Every structure is written in structure tokens, then in C-alpha cells.
Amino acid sequence: MNKVASLIFLIAGIVLLVYGVSASESIGSSFSRLFTGTPTDRTIWFLIGGAIATAVGLVGLLRGSKP
């Protein structure tokens, strides 16, 4: 994987993590936690997707591209 793609994954992952954290503090997520004990599915998917994309981006940047 080249460095540009890795950088895109890293930035997209960070953006998804920020959206996930802000969604976890929303009113809908608060009501979901109140009644079910867990945040909304949307919040969970943002956080999981962000963590995976960030990890892929970091691994790609740290590994470097092969010629």
C-alpha cells in the first residue's frame, strides 16, 4: 500500500473516531444508554470503523511502500 492511501485511511479513521465520540455524547445515544445500557448502533459502527481505518493507515505508514 502506498503512503498516500495510508494517509487517507489514517485521516478518514480519525474523522470517523471524532464522529463516533460526538455521536456517543448525543441525546439519542444518551436515551439508548438509559434504556438498553449500550450506545446506538451508529455510534458503535463509527468507533469500530474509525479504529480499523486508523490502524490500517498507521500500519501502512509505518511499514512503508515497497518499490
Protein backbone atom coordinates (compact mmCIF):
# COMPACT_ATOMS: atom_id res chain seq x y z
CA MET A 1 0.00 0.00 0.00
CA ASN A 2 1.42 3.37 -0.90
CA LYS A 3 1.81 6.24 1.53
CA VAL A 4 -0.97 8.35 0.02
CA ALA A 5 -3.56 5.61 0.53
CA SER A 6 -2.27 5.00 4.05
CA LEU A 7 -2.54 8.69 4.85
CA ILE A 8 -6.11 8.77 3.50
CA PHE A 9 -7.02 5.79 5.70
CA LEU A 10 -5.45 7.47 8.71
CA ILE A 11 -7.30 10.76 8.18
CA ALA A 12 -10.61 9.00 7.47
CA GLY A 13 -10.17 6.88 10.58
CA ILE A 14 -9.55 9.90 12.77
CA VAL A 15 -12.60 11.65 11.30
CA LEU A 16 -14.76 8.57 11.99
CA LEU A 17 -13.47 8.38 15.56
CA VAL A 18 -14.34 12.05 16.11
CA TYR A 19 -17.85 11.47 14.72
CA GLY A 20 -18.20 8.39 16.91
CA VAL A 21 -17.21 10.25 20.05
CA SER A 22 -19.55 13.14 19.27
CA ALA A 23 -22.37 10.68 18.46
CA SER A 24 -21.81 8.93 21.78
CA GLU A 25 -22.50 12.22 23.55
CA SER A 26 -25.72 12.91 21.63
CA ILE A 27 -29.23 12.86 23.08
CA GLY A 28 -30.18 9.75 21.10
CA SER A 29 -27.22 7.82 22.40
CA SER A 30 -27.97 9.00 25.94
CA PHE A 31 -31.54 7.68 25.72
CA SER A 32 -30.28 4.43 24.23
CA ARG A 33 -27.83 4.01 27.12
CA LEU A 34 -30.60 4.83 29.59
CA PHE A 35 -32.96 2.14 28.31
CA THR A 36 -30.64 -0.54 26.90
CA GLY A 37 -27.33 0.14 28.61
CA THR A 38 -25.47 0.46 25.31
CA PRO A 39 -24.95 3.34 22.87
CA THR A 40 -26.67 3.38 19.48
CA ASP A 41 -25.54 1.09 16.68
CA ARG A 42 -24.47 4.12 14.63
CA THR A 43 -22.08 5.20 17.37
CA ILE A 44 -20.60 1.74 17.67
CA TRP A 45 -20.05 1.43 13.91
CA PHE A 46 -18.39 4.86 13.75
CA LEU A 47 -16.00 3.89 16.54
CA ILE A 48 -15.22 0.43 15.12
CA GLY A 49 -14.76 1.74 11.57
CA GLY A 50 -12.60 4.60 12.79
CA ALA A 51 -10.40 2.30 14.84
CA ILE A 52 -9.91 -0.11 11.94
CA ALA A 53 -9.23 2.62 9.37
CA THR A 54 -6.78 4.35 11.73
CA ALA A 55 -4.95 1.08 12.39
CA VAL A 56 -4.71 0.29 8.66
CA GLY A 57 -3.41 3.80 7.96
CA LEU A 58 -0.81 3.63 10.72
CA VAL A 59 0.42 0.19 9.70
CA GLY A 60 0.66 1.31 6.09
CA LEU A 61 2.63 4.43 7.01
CA LEU A 62 4.96 2.64 9.42
CA ARG A 63 5.62 -0.26 7.05
CA GLY A 64 6.36 1.94 4.10
CA SER A 65 5.74 1.14 0.47
CA LYS A 66 7.73 -1.40 -1.44
CA PRO A 67 9.24 -0.31 -4.74
